[in-house]
Amino acid sequence: MEWYTAADKFIEALASSDPTPGGGAAAASAGAMGCALAMMAVGTTLKRKATPEADKPLLTQSLSRFASLKNELKNYIKKDGEAYAAFITVKKLPQDNPGREDAVQDALWQAACVPADAAKAAVRALKELDAVKERVADIIFSDVVCAKHLLQTCVRCAVENVRANQAYIKNPDRASELEKQINTFLKSC
């Protein structure tokens, strides 16, 4: 399959009236793409003869960290849909089911945690990018800037998905924990 075919399928899935994939999956996808672009920029820099040998160990470690973060963010694309499906399942429980409200609250919590975890990964990637950006070859630096924008987009969109679920979480400690995370995430952008 050509790479653009896969991209087309995901974009069309986002455009459909189906609830998944939705904003959380789009956020995680933006973060994964940001990591992928960072990997390309770092990998290209590593292949250049002009790259100082002293920079290569740090760039190699960074490439590995970006790969790990990219894979983590790719997993959140699927997890976001799974969290939504779990929420819909518990919402269908009979109103008189004594465990329904706790199940709904737990599902809302999970639905908020998935984009929060995606934002955490994107923040780690932003820090990694900041640590190596001065060592990336000038010829490919525009991709570093694009990677940064995609990672910031991931954070901002993930925050919106956290907030969408946070609004219905009744446990004040959980809601407060999410608010603290949101504030931390937004400071990275």
N, C-alpha and C. Protein backbone atom coordinates (compact mmCIF):
# COMPACT_ATOMS: atom_id res chain seq x y z
N MET A 1 0.85 -1.19 0.00
CA MET A 1 0.00 0.00 0.00
C MET A 1 0.89 1.24 0.00
N GLU A 2 0.57 2.16 -0.84
CA GLU A 2 1.29 3.42 -0.88
C GLU A 2 0.98 4.21 0.39
N TRP A 3 1.95 4.99 0.86
CA TRP A 3 1.77 5.72 2.11
C TRP A 3 0.57 6.65 2.06
N TYR A 4 0.33 7.28 0.93
CA TYR A 4 -0.76 8.26 0.86
C TYR A 4 -2.13 7.58 0.90
N THR A 5 -2.19 6.30 0.55
CA THR A 5 -3.45 5.56 0.64
C THR A 5 -3.87 5.42 2.10
N ALA A 6 -2.90 5.09 2.95
CA ALA A 6 -3.18 4.96 4.39
C ALA A 6 -3.60 6.31 4.97
N ALA A 7 -2.90 7.36 4.58
CA ALA A 7 -3.26 8.70 5.07
C ALA A 7 -4.67 9.06 4.62
N ASP A 8 -4.99 8.75 3.38
CA ASP A 8 -6.31 9.05 2.84
C ASP A 8 -7.40 8.32 3.63
N LYS A 9 -7.16 7.06 3.95
CA LYS A 9 -8.16 6.28 4.71
C LYS A 9 -8.41 6.89 6.09
N PHE A 10 -7.35 7.30 6.76
CA PHE A 10 -7.51 7.89 8.08
C PHE A 10 -8.23 9.23 7.99
N ILE A 11 -7.87 10.04 7.03
CA ILE A 11 -8.52 11.35 6.88
C ILE A 11 -10.01 11.17 6.56
N GLU A 12 -10.33 10.22 5.70
CA GLU A 12 -11.74 9.98 5.38
C GLU A 12 -12.50 9.41 6.58
N ALA A 13 -11.83 8.61 7.39
CA ALA A 13 -12.47 8.10 8.61
C ALA A 13 -12.78 9.25 9.56
N LEU A 14 -11.86 10.20 9.67
CA LEU A 14 -12.11 11.39 10.50
C LEU A 14 -13.29 12.19 9.95
N ALA A 15 -13.43 12.24 8.64
CA ALA A 15 -14.48 13.03 8.01
C ALA A 15 -15.86 12.40 8.10
N SER A 16 -15.91 11.12 8.40
CA SER A 16 -17.20 10.43 8.43
C SER A 16 -18.03 10.89 9.63
N SER A 17 -19.28 10.51 9.64
CA SER A 17 -20.15 10.85 10.77
C SER A 17 -20.00 9.87 11.93
N ASP A 18 -19.14 8.88 11.78
CA ASP A 18 -18.86 7.96 12.89
C ASP A 18 -18.13 8.72 14.00
N PRO A 19 -18.40 8.37 15.26
CA PRO A 19 -17.76 9.11 16.35
C PRO A 19 -16.27 8.82 16.50
N THR A 20 -15.82 7.70 15.94
CA THR A 20 -14.39 7.40 15.99
C THR A 20 -13.90 7.07 14.59
N PRO A 21 -12.72 7.49 14.23
CA PRO A 21 -11.81 8.29 15.05
C PRO A 21 -12.32 9.72 15.20
N GLY A 22 -11.93 10.31 16.31
CA GLY A 22 -12.33 11.68 16.58
C GLY A 22 -11.13 12.53 16.95
N GLY A 23 -11.40 13.55 17.74
CA GLY A 23 -10.37 14.52 18.09
C GLY A 23 -9.18 13.94 18.83
N GLY A 24 -9.43 12.98 19.71
CA GLY A 24 -8.32 12.37 20.44
C GLY A 24 -7.39 11.60 19.52
N ALA A 25 -7.98 10.88 18.58
CA ALA A 25 -7.18 10.14 17.60
C ALA A 25 -6.42 11.11 16.69
N ALA A 26 -7.08 12.19 16.29
CA ALA A 26 -6.42 13.19 15.46
C ALA A 26 -5.26 13.84 16.21
N ALA A 27 -5.45 14.10 17.50
CA ALA A 27 -4.38 14.68 18.31
C ALA A 27 -3.18 13.74 18.36
N ALA A 28 -3.44 12.48 18.67
CA ALA A 28 -2.35 11.51 18.77
C ALA A 28 -1.65 11.33 17.41
N SER A 29 -2.44 11.38 16.35
CA SER A 29 -1.87 11.26 15.01
C SER A 29 -0.94 12.44 14.72
N ALA A 30 -1.35 13.64 15.09
CA ALA A 30 -0.50 14.81 14.89
C ALA A 30 0.81 14.66 15.67
N GLY A 31 0.71 14.14 16.89
CA GLY A 31 1.93 13.93 17.69
C GLY A 31 2.84 12.89 17.07
N ALA A 32 2.26 11.80 16.59
CA ALA A 32 3.05 10.75 15.95
C ALA A 32 3.72 11.29 14.69
N MET A 33 2.99 12.11 13.93
CA MET A 33 3.59 12.71 12.73
C MET A 33 4.72 13.68 13.11
N GLY A 34 4.54 14.40 14.20
CA GLY A 34 5.60 15.30 14.67
C GLY A 34 6.86 14.52 15.03
N CYS A 35 6.69 13.41 15.71
CA CYS A 35 7.85 12.57 16.05
C CYS A 35 8.49 12.00 14.78
N ALA A 36 7.65 11.59 13.84
CA ALA A 36 8.18 11.03 12.59
C ALA A 36 9.00 12.08 11.83
N LEU A 37 8.51 13.30 11.76
CA LEU A 37 9.28 14.35 11.09
C LEU A 37 10.58 14.64 11.82
N ALA A 38 10.53 14.62 13.14
CA ALA A 38 11.76 14.81 13.92
C ALA A 38 12.75 13.69 13.63
N MET A 39 12.23 12.47 13.51
CA MET A 39 13.09 11.34 13.18
C MET A 39 13.75 11.54 11.82
N MET A 40 12.97 12.00 10.86
CA MET A 40 13.51 12.22 9.52
C MET A 40 14.61 13.28 9.55
N ALA A 41 14.38 14.37 10.27
CA ALA A 41 15.37 15.44 10.35
C ALA A 41 16.65 14.96 11.05
N VAL A 42 16.48 14.24 12.14
CA VAL A 42 17.65 13.74 12.88
C VAL A 42 18.37 12.67 12.04
N GLY A 43 17.61 11.76 11.44
CA GLY A 43 18.22 10.71 10.62
C GLY A 43 18.98 11.28 9.43
N THR A 44 18.40 12.28 8.79
CA THR A 44 19.07 12.93 7.66
C THR A 44 20.36 13.61 8.12
N THR A 45 20.30 14.25 9.27
CA THR A 45 21.48 14.91 9.82
C THR A 45 22.57 13.89 10.13
N LEU A 46 22.19 12.75 10.67
CA LEU A 46 23.17 11.70 10.98
C LEU A 46 23.88 11.19 9.73
N LYS A 47 23.21 11.18 8.60
CA LYS A 47 23.80 10.67 7.36
C LYS A 47 24.72 11.68 6.67
N ARG A 48 24.64 12.92 7.08
CA ARG A 48 25.45 13.96 6.41
C ARG A 48 26.91 13.89 6.84
N LYS A 49 27.80 14.01 5.89
CA LYS A 49 29.24 14.00 6.17
C LYS A 49 29.65 15.19 7.02
N ALA A 50 28.90 16.28 6.90
CA ALA A 50 29.25 17.50 7.63
C ALA A 50 28.86 17.46 9.11
N THR A 51 28.11 16.45 9.51
CA THR A 51 27.69 16.36 10.91
C THR A 51 28.89 16.02 11.79
N PRO A 52 29.17 16.82 12.80
CA PRO A 52 30.31 16.54 13.69
C PRO A 52 30.15 15.18 14.38
N GLU A 53 31.23 14.44 14.44
CA GLU A 53 31.22 13.13 15.10
C GLU A 53 30.76 13.24 16.55
N ALA A 54 31.10 14.36 17.19
CA ALA A 54 30.73 14.55 18.60
C ALA A 54 29.21 14.64 18.78
N ASP A 55 28.49 15.03 17.73
CA ASP A 55 27.02 15.16 17.81
C ASP A 55 26.30 13.83 17.58
N LYS A 56 26.97 12.91 16.93
CA LYS A 56 26.30 11.69 16.49
C LYS A 56 25.74 10.82 17.63
N PRO A 57 26.43 10.64 18.75
CA PRO A 57 25.83 9.83 19.83
C PRO A 57 24.52 10.43 20.36
N LEU A 58 24.51 11.73 20.57
CA LEU A 58 23.29 12.38 21.05
C LEU A 58 22.17 12.27 20.03
N LEU A 59 22.50 12.49 18.76
CA LEU A 59 21.49 12.39 17.71
C LEU A 59 20.96 10.96 17.58
N THR A 60 21.83 9.99 17.73
CA THR A 60 21.41 8.58 17.66
C THR A 60 20.47 8.24 18.81
N GLN A 61 20.79 8.69 20.01
CA GLN A 61 19.91 8.47 21.16
C GLN A 61 18.57 9.18 20.95
N SER A 62 18.62 10.37 20.42
CA SER A 62 17.41 11.14 20.17
C SER A 62 16.53 10.43 19.15
N LEU A 63 17.13 9.91 18.11
CA LEU A 63 16.39 9.18 17.09
C LEU A 63 15.63 8.01 17.71
N SER A 64 16.28 7.31 18.63
CA SER A 64 15.64 6.19 19.32
C SER A 64 14.48 6.66 20.20
N ARG A 65 14.67 7.77 20.90
CA ARG A 65 13.60 8.29 21.76
C ARG A 65 12.40 8.76 20.93
N PHE A 66 12.68 9.41 19.81
CA PHE A 66 11.57 9.83 18.93
C PHE A 66 10.81 8.62 18.39
N ALA A 67 11.53 7.56 18.07
CA ALA A 67 10.87 6.34 17.56
C ALA A 67 9.95 5.75 18.63
N SER A 68 10.42 5.72 19.85
CA SER A 68 9.61 5.19 20.96
C SER A 68 8.37 6.06 21.19
N LEU A 69 8.55 7.37 21.19
CA LEU A 69 7.42 8.29 21.40
C LEU A 69 6.44 8.22 20.24
N LYS A 70 6.94 8.08 19.03
CA LYS A 70 6.07 7.94 17.86
C LYS A 70 5.18 6.71 18.01
N ASN A 71 5.78 5.61 18.41
CA ASN A 71 5.00 4.37 18.58
C ASN A 71 4.00 4.50 19.71
N GLU A 72 4.40 5.16 20.78
CA GLU A 72 3.47 5.39 21.89
C GLU A 72 2.27 6.22 21.42
N LEU A 73 2.54 7.27 20.69
CA LEU A 73 1.46 8.12 20.20
C LEU A 73 0.57 7.39 19.19
N LYS A 74 1.16 6.55 18.36
CA LYS A 74 0.36 5.75 17.43
C LYS A 74 -0.61 4.85 18.20
N ASN A 75 -0.16 4.32 19.32
CA ASN A 75 -1.05 3.47 20.14
C ASN A 75 -2.23 4.25 20.69
N TYR A 76 -2.03 5.53 20.98
CA TYR A 76 -3.13 6.33 21.53
C TYR A 76 -4.21 6.60 20.49
N ILE A 77 -3.88 6.50 19.22
CA ILE A 77 -4.91 6.65 18.18
C ILE A 77 -5.97 5.58 18.37
N LYS A 78 -5.53 4.35 18.54
CA LYS A 78 -6.46 3.23 18.75
C LYS A 78 -7.10 3.29 20.14
N LYS A 79 -6.29 3.59 21.15
CA LYS A 79 -6.80 3.63 22.52
C LYS A 79 -7.91 4.67 22.69
N ASP A 80 -7.82 5.76 21.95
CA ASP A 80 -8.86 6.78 22.05
C ASP A 80 -10.21 6.22 21.61
N GLY A 81 -10.21 5.49 20.51
CA GLY A 81 -11.45 4.86 20.04
C GLY A 81 -11.95 3.81 21.01
N GLU A 82 -11.03 3.06 21.59
CA GLU A 82 -11.42 2.04 22.57
C GLU A 82 -12.03 2.66 23.81
N ALA A 83 -11.47 3.78 24.26
CA ALA A 83 -12.01 4.45 25.45
C ALA A 83 -13.42 4.97 25.16
N TYR A 84 -13.63 5.50 23.97
CA TYR A 84 -14.96 5.98 23.61
C TYR A 84 -15.95 4.81 23.55
N ALA A 85 -15.53 3.70 22.96
CA ALA A 85 -16.40 2.53 22.86
C ALA A 85 -16.77 2.00 24.25
N ALA A 86 -15.82 2.02 25.17
CA ALA A 86 -16.10 1.58 26.54
C ALA A 86 -17.12 2.49 27.21
N PHE A 87 -16.99 3.79 26.97
CA PHE A 87 -17.94 4.74 27.53
C PHE A 87 -19.35 4.49 26.98
N ILE A 88 -19.47 4.30 25.69
CA ILE A 88 -20.77 4.05 25.07
C ILE A 88 -21.39 2.76 25.62
N THR A 89 -20.55 1.76 25.85
CA THR A 89 -21.04 0.49 26.39
C THR A 89 -21.65 0.68 27.78
N VAL A 90 -20.96 1.40 28.65
CA VAL A 90 -21.49 1.57 30.01
C VAL A 90 -22.69 2.52 30.04
N LYS A 91 -22.74 3.45 29.10
CA LYS A 91 -23.91 4.34 29.04
C LYS A 91 -25.18 3.56 28.70
N LYS A 92 -25.04 2.40 28.08
CA LYS A 92 -26.19 1.57 27.70
C LYS A 92 -26.68 0.69 28.84
N LEU A 93 -25.96 0.69 29.96
CA LEU A 93 -26.43 -0.09 31.11
C LEU A 93 -27.76 0.49 31.58
N PRO A 94 -28.64 -0.36 32.09
CA PRO A 94 -29.93 0.14 32.59
C PRO A 94 -29.74 1.21 33.68
N GLN A 95 -30.59 2.20 33.67
CA GLN A 95 -30.51 3.30 34.63
C GLN A 95 -30.59 2.80 36.07
N ASP A 96 -31.30 1.70 36.30
CA ASP A 96 -31.46 1.20 37.67
C ASP A 96 -30.32 0.26 38.08
N ASN A 97 -29.33 0.07 37.23
CA ASN A 97 -28.18 -0.76 37.58
C ASN A 97 -27.36 -0.03 38.65
N PRO A 98 -27.17 -0.66 39.82
CA PRO A 98 -26.48 0.03 40.92
C PRO A 98 -25.02 0.40 40.61
N GLY A 99 -24.41 -0.29 39.69
CA GLY A 99 -23.01 0.01 39.36
C GLY A 99 -22.84 0.93 38.17
N ARG A 100 -23.95 1.35 37.59
CA ARG A 100 -23.89 2.13 36.35
C ARG A 100 -23.13 3.45 36.52
N GLU A 101 -23.46 4.21 37.54
CA GLU A 101 -22.84 5.53 37.71
C GLU A 101 -21.33 5.42 37.91
N ASP A 102 -20.89 4.45 38.72
CA ASP A 102 -19.45 4.25 38.91
C ASP A 102 -18.79 3.83 37.59
N ALA A 103 -19.46 2.98 36.84
CA ALA A 103 -18.92 2.53 35.56
C ALA A 103 -18.81 3.69 34.58
N VAL A 104 -19.81 4.55 34.56
CA VAL A 104 -19.78 5.72 33.68
C VAL A 104 -18.64 6.65 34.08
N GLN A 105 -18.50 6.88 35.36
CA GLN A 105 -17.43 7.76 35.84
C GLN A 105 -16.05 7.18 35.54
N ASP A 106 -15.89 5.88 35.70
CA ASP A 106 -14.61 5.25 35.37
C ASP A 106 -14.33 5.34 33.87
N ALA A 107 -15.36 5.17 33.06
CA ALA A 107 -15.18 5.26 31.61
C ALA A 107 -14.83 6.70 31.20
N LEU A 108 -15.45 7.67 31.84
CA LEU A 108 -15.11 9.07 31.56
C LEU A 108 -13.66 9.37 31.96
N TRP A 109 -13.27 8.83 33.09
CA TRP A 109 -11.89 9.01 33.56
C TRP A 109 -10.91 8.44 32.53
N GLN A 110 -11.19 7.23 32.08
CA GLN A 110 -10.31 6.60 31.09
C GLN A 110 -10.31 7.40 29.78
N ALA A 111 -11.48 7.88 29.38
CA ALA A 111 -11.57 8.67 28.15
C ALA A 111 -10.81 9.99 28.27
N ALA A 112 -10.64 10.49 29.48
CA ALA A 112 -9.82 11.69 29.70
C ALA A 112 -8.34 11.35 29.81
N CYS A 113 -8.04 10.19 30.36
CA CYS A 113 -6.64 9.80 30.57
C CYS A 113 -5.92 9.50 29.25
N VAL A 114 -6.62 8.94 28.28
CA VAL A 114 -5.96 8.61 27.02
C VAL A 114 -5.40 9.87 26.34
N PRO A 115 -6.20 10.90 26.11
CA PRO A 115 -5.60 12.10 25.50
C PRO A 115 -4.59 12.79 26.43
N ALA A 116 -4.79 12.67 27.74
CA ALA A 116 -3.80 13.24 28.67
C ALA A 116 -2.46 12.52 28.50
N ASP A 117 -2.51 11.21 28.36
CA ASP A 117 -1.27 10.46 28.14
C ASP A 117 -0.63 10.81 26.80
N ALA A 118 -1.45 11.04 25.79
CA ALA A 118 -0.92 11.47 24.49
C ALA A 118 -0.24 12.83 24.63
N ALA A 119 -0.85 13.73 25.37
CA ALA A 119 -0.25 15.05 25.58
C ALA A 119 1.08 14.92 26.33
N LYS A 120 1.14 14.03 27.32
CA LYS A 120 2.39 13.82 28.06
C LYS A 120 3.50 13.36 27.11
N ALA A 121 3.16 12.42 26.22
CA ALA A 121 4.15 11.93 25.27
C ALA A 121 4.60 13.05 24.33
N ALA A 122 3.67 13.88 23.89
CA ALA A 122 4.01 14.99 23.00
C ALA A 122 4.89 16.01 23.71
N VAL A 123 4.63 16.24 24.98
CA VAL A 123 5.47 17.17 25.76
C VAL A 123 6.89 16.61 25.87
N ARG A 124 7.01 15.30 26.11
CA ARG A 124 8.35 14.69 26.16
C ARG A 124 9.05 14.84 24.80
N ALA A 125 8.30 14.67 23.73
CA ALA A 125 8.88 14.82 22.39
C ALA A 125 9.32 16.27 22.14
N LEU A 126 8.52 17.22 22.60
CA LEU A 126 8.90 18.63 22.45
C LEU A 126 10.21 18.92 23.18
N LYS A 127 10.37 18.36 24.37
CA LYS A 127 11.61 18.55 25.13
C LYS A 127 12.79 17.92 24.40
N GLU A 128 12.57 16.75 23.85
CA GLU A 128 13.62 16.07 23.09
C GLU A 128 14.00 16.90 21.87
N LEU A 129 13.01 17.42 21.19
CA LEU A 129 13.26 18.23 20.00
C LEU A 129 14.06 19.48 20.37
N ASP A 130 13.71 20.09 21.48
CA ASP A 130 14.42 21.28 21.93
C ASP A 130 15.89 20.97 22.24
N ALA A 131 16.13 19.75 22.75
CA ALA A 131 17.49 19.36 23.12
C ALA A 131 18.40 19.12 21.91
N VAL A 132 17.82 18.79 20.75
CA VAL A 132 18.65 18.46 19.59
C VAL A 132 18.53 19.43 18.42
N LYS A 133 17.63 20.35 18.50
CA LYS A 133 17.35 21.20 17.33
C LYS A 133 18.58 21.96 16.83
N GLU A 134 19.47 22.34 17.70
CA GLU A 134 20.67 23.09 17.29
C GLU A 134 21.66 22.21 16.54
N ARG A 135 21.49 20.91 16.63
CA ARG A 135 22.41 19.98 15.97
C ARG A 135 21.88 19.47 14.63
N VAL A 136 20.64 19.81 14.32
CA VAL A 136 20.03 19.36 13.07
C VAL A 136 20.55 20.23 11.93
N ALA A 137 20.81 19.59 10.80
CA ALA A 137 21.34 20.30 9.63
C ALA A 137 20.37 21.41 9.19
N ASP A 138 20.94 22.55 8.84
CA ASP A 138 20.12 23.69 8.41
C ASP A 138 19.22 23.35 7.23
N ILE A 139 19.69 22.52 6.35
CA ILE A 139 18.94 22.20 5.13
C ILE A 139 17.62 21.50 5.43
N ILE A 140 17.50 20.90 6.59
CA ILE A 140 16.29 20.15 6.95
C ILE A 140 15.58 20.77 8.15
N PHE A 141 16.04 21.95 8.57
CA PHE A 141 15.51 22.55 9.79
C PHE A 141 14.03 22.90 9.69
N SER A 142 13.52 23.17 8.50
CA SER A 142 12.08 23.48 8.38
C SER A 142 11.24 22.31 8.88
N ASP A 143 11.74 21.08 8.74
CA ASP A 143 11.00 19.92 9.24
C ASP A 143 11.00 19.86 10.76
N VAL A 144 12.04 20.39 11.37
CA VAL A 144 12.08 20.47 12.83
C VAL A 144 10.99 21.44 13.31
N VAL A 145 10.87 22.56 12.61
CA VAL A 145 9.84 23.54 12.96
C VAL A 145 8.45 22.93 12.77
N CYS A 146 8.25 22.23 11.66
CA CYS A 146 6.96 21.57 11.42
C CYS A 146 6.69 20.51 12.48
N ALA A 147 7.71 19.75 12.87
CA ALA A 147 7.55 18.74 13.92
C ALA A 147 7.10 19.41 15.22
N LYS A 148 7.69 20.54 15.54
CA LYS A 148 7.31 21.26 16.75
C LYS A 148 5.85 21.69 16.70
N HIS A 149 5.44 22.23 15.56
CA HIS A 149 4.04 22.66 15.42
C HIS A 149 3.07 21.48 15.55
N LEU A 150 3.42 20.35 14.95
CA LEU A 150 2.56 19.17 15.05
C LEU A 150 2.47 18.67 16.49
N LEU A 151 3.59 18.67 17.19
CA LEU A 151 3.59 18.23 18.59
C LEU A 151 2.78 19.19 19.46
N GLN A 152 2.91 20.48 19.21
CA GLN A 152 2.10 21.46 19.96
C GLN A 152 0.62 21.29 19.64
N THR A 153 0.31 20.99 18.40
CA THR A 153 -1.07 20.72 18.01
C THR A 153 -1.60 19.51 18.75
N CYS A 154 -0.79 18.48 18.85
CA CYS A 154 -1.18 17.30 19.61
C CYS A 154 -1.56 17.68 21.03
N VAL A 155 -0.70 18.46 21.67
CA VAL A 155 -0.95 18.87 23.06
C VAL A 155 -2.25 19.65 23.16
N ARG A 156 -2.42 20.65 22.31
CA ARG A 156 -3.61 21.50 22.39
C ARG A 156 -4.90 20.73 22.11
N CYS A 157 -4.86 19.87 21.10
CA CYS A 157 -6.06 19.09 20.77
C CYS A 157 -6.35 18.04 21.84
N ALA A 158 -5.30 17.44 22.38
CA ALA A 158 -5.50 16.47 23.46
C ALA A 158 -6.13 17.16 24.67
N VAL A 159 -5.69 18.36 24.97
CA VAL A 159 -6.26 19.12 26.09
C VAL A 159 -7.76 19.32 25.88
N GLU A 160 -8.16 19.65 24.67
CA GLU A 160 -9.59 19.83 24.40
C GLU A 160 -10.37 18.55 24.66
N ASN A 161 -9.78 17.41 24.34
CA ASN A 161 -10.44 16.14 24.58
C ASN A 161 -10.47 15.78 26.06
N VAL A 162 -9.43 16.16 26.78
CA VAL A 162 -9.44 15.97 28.24
C VAL A 162 -10.56 16.80 28.83
N ARG A 163 -10.64 18.06 28.44
CA ARG A 163 -11.67 18.96 28.97
C ARG A 163 -13.09 18.46 28.66
N ALA A 164 -13.27 17.89 27.48
CA ALA A 164 -14.60 17.40 27.09
C ALA A 164 -15.09 16.33 28.05
N ASN A 165 -14.19 15.51 28.55
CA ASN A 165 -14.55 14.46 29.50
C ASN A 165 -14.54 14.97 30.94
N GLN A 166 -13.59 15.84 31.23
CA GLN A 166 -13.45 16.40 32.58
C GLN A 166 -14.74 17.08 33.03
N ALA A 167 -15.43 17.69 32.13
CA ALA A 167 -16.65 18.42 32.46
C ALA A 167 -17.71 17.54 33.11
N TYR A 168 -17.64 16.23 32.87
CA TYR A 168 -18.65 15.31 33.40
C TYR A 168 -18.13 14.43 34.53
N ILE A 169 -16.89 14.62 34.91
CA ILE A 169 -16.31 13.83 36.00
C ILE A 169 -16.71 14.46 37.33
N LYS A 170 -17.38 13.67 38.14
CA LYS A 170 -17.93 14.19 39.40
C LYS A 170 -16.95 14.17 40.55
N ASN A 171 -15.94 13.31 40.50
CA ASN A 171 -14.97 13.22 41.57
C ASN A 171 -14.07 14.46 41.52
N PRO A 172 -14.15 15.32 42.56
CA PRO A 172 -13.40 16.57 42.51
C PRO A 172 -11.88 16.37 42.48
N ASP A 173 -11.39 15.29 43.10
CA ASP A 173 -9.95 15.03 43.07
C ASP A 173 -9.48 14.68 41.66
N ARG A 174 -10.27 13.86 40.97
CA ARG A 174 -9.92 13.50 39.59
C ARG A 174 -10.00 14.72 38.68
N ALA A 175 -11.05 15.51 38.83
CA ALA A 175 -11.21 16.71 38.01
C ALA A 175 -10.06 17.69 38.26
N SER A 176 -9.67 17.82 39.51
CA SER A 176 -8.56 18.71 39.87
C SER A 176 -7.24 18.20 39.30
N GLU A 177 -7.04 16.90 39.36
CA GLU A 177 -5.82 16.30 38.80
C GLU A 177 -5.73 16.58 37.29
N LEU A 178 -6.85 16.44 36.62
CA LEU A 178 -6.86 16.72 35.19
C LEU A 178 -6.57 18.19 34.91
N GLU A 179 -7.12 19.07 35.73
CA GLU A 179 -6.89 20.51 35.53
C GLU A 179 -5.41 20.85 35.70
N LYS A 180 -4.77 20.24 36.69
CA LYS A 180 -3.33 20.47 36.88
C LYS A 180 -2.54 19.99 35.67
N GLN A 181 -2.92 18.83 35.15
CA GLN A 181 -2.23 18.31 33.98
C GLN A 181 -2.43 19.24 32.79
N ILE A 182 -3.64 19.69 32.60
CA ILE A 182 -3.92 20.61 31.48
C ILE A 182 -3.03 21.84 31.55
N ASN A 183 -2.94 22.42 32.74
CA ASN A 183 -2.11 23.62 32.90
C ASN A 183 -0.65 23.33 32.59
N THR A 184 -0.16 22.19 33.01
CA THR A 184 1.21 21.79 32.72
C THR A 184 1.42 21.59 31.22
N PHE A 185 0.47 20.92 30.58
CA PHE A 185 0.59 20.68 29.14
C PHE A 185 0.65 21.99 28.37
N LEU A 186 -0.25 22.89 28.69
CA LEU A 186 -0.35 24.13 27.93
C LEU A 186 0.89 25.02 28.10
N LYS A 187 1.59 24.88 29.21
CA LYS A 187 2.82 25.65 29.41
C LYS A 187 3.91 25.21 28.43
N SER A 188 3.81 23.99 27.92
CA SER A 188 4.82 23.50 26.98
C SER A 188 4.64 24.08 25.58
N CYS A 189 3.49 24.68 25.35
CA CYS A 189 3.20 25.23 24.01
C CYS A 189 3.42 26.71 24.00
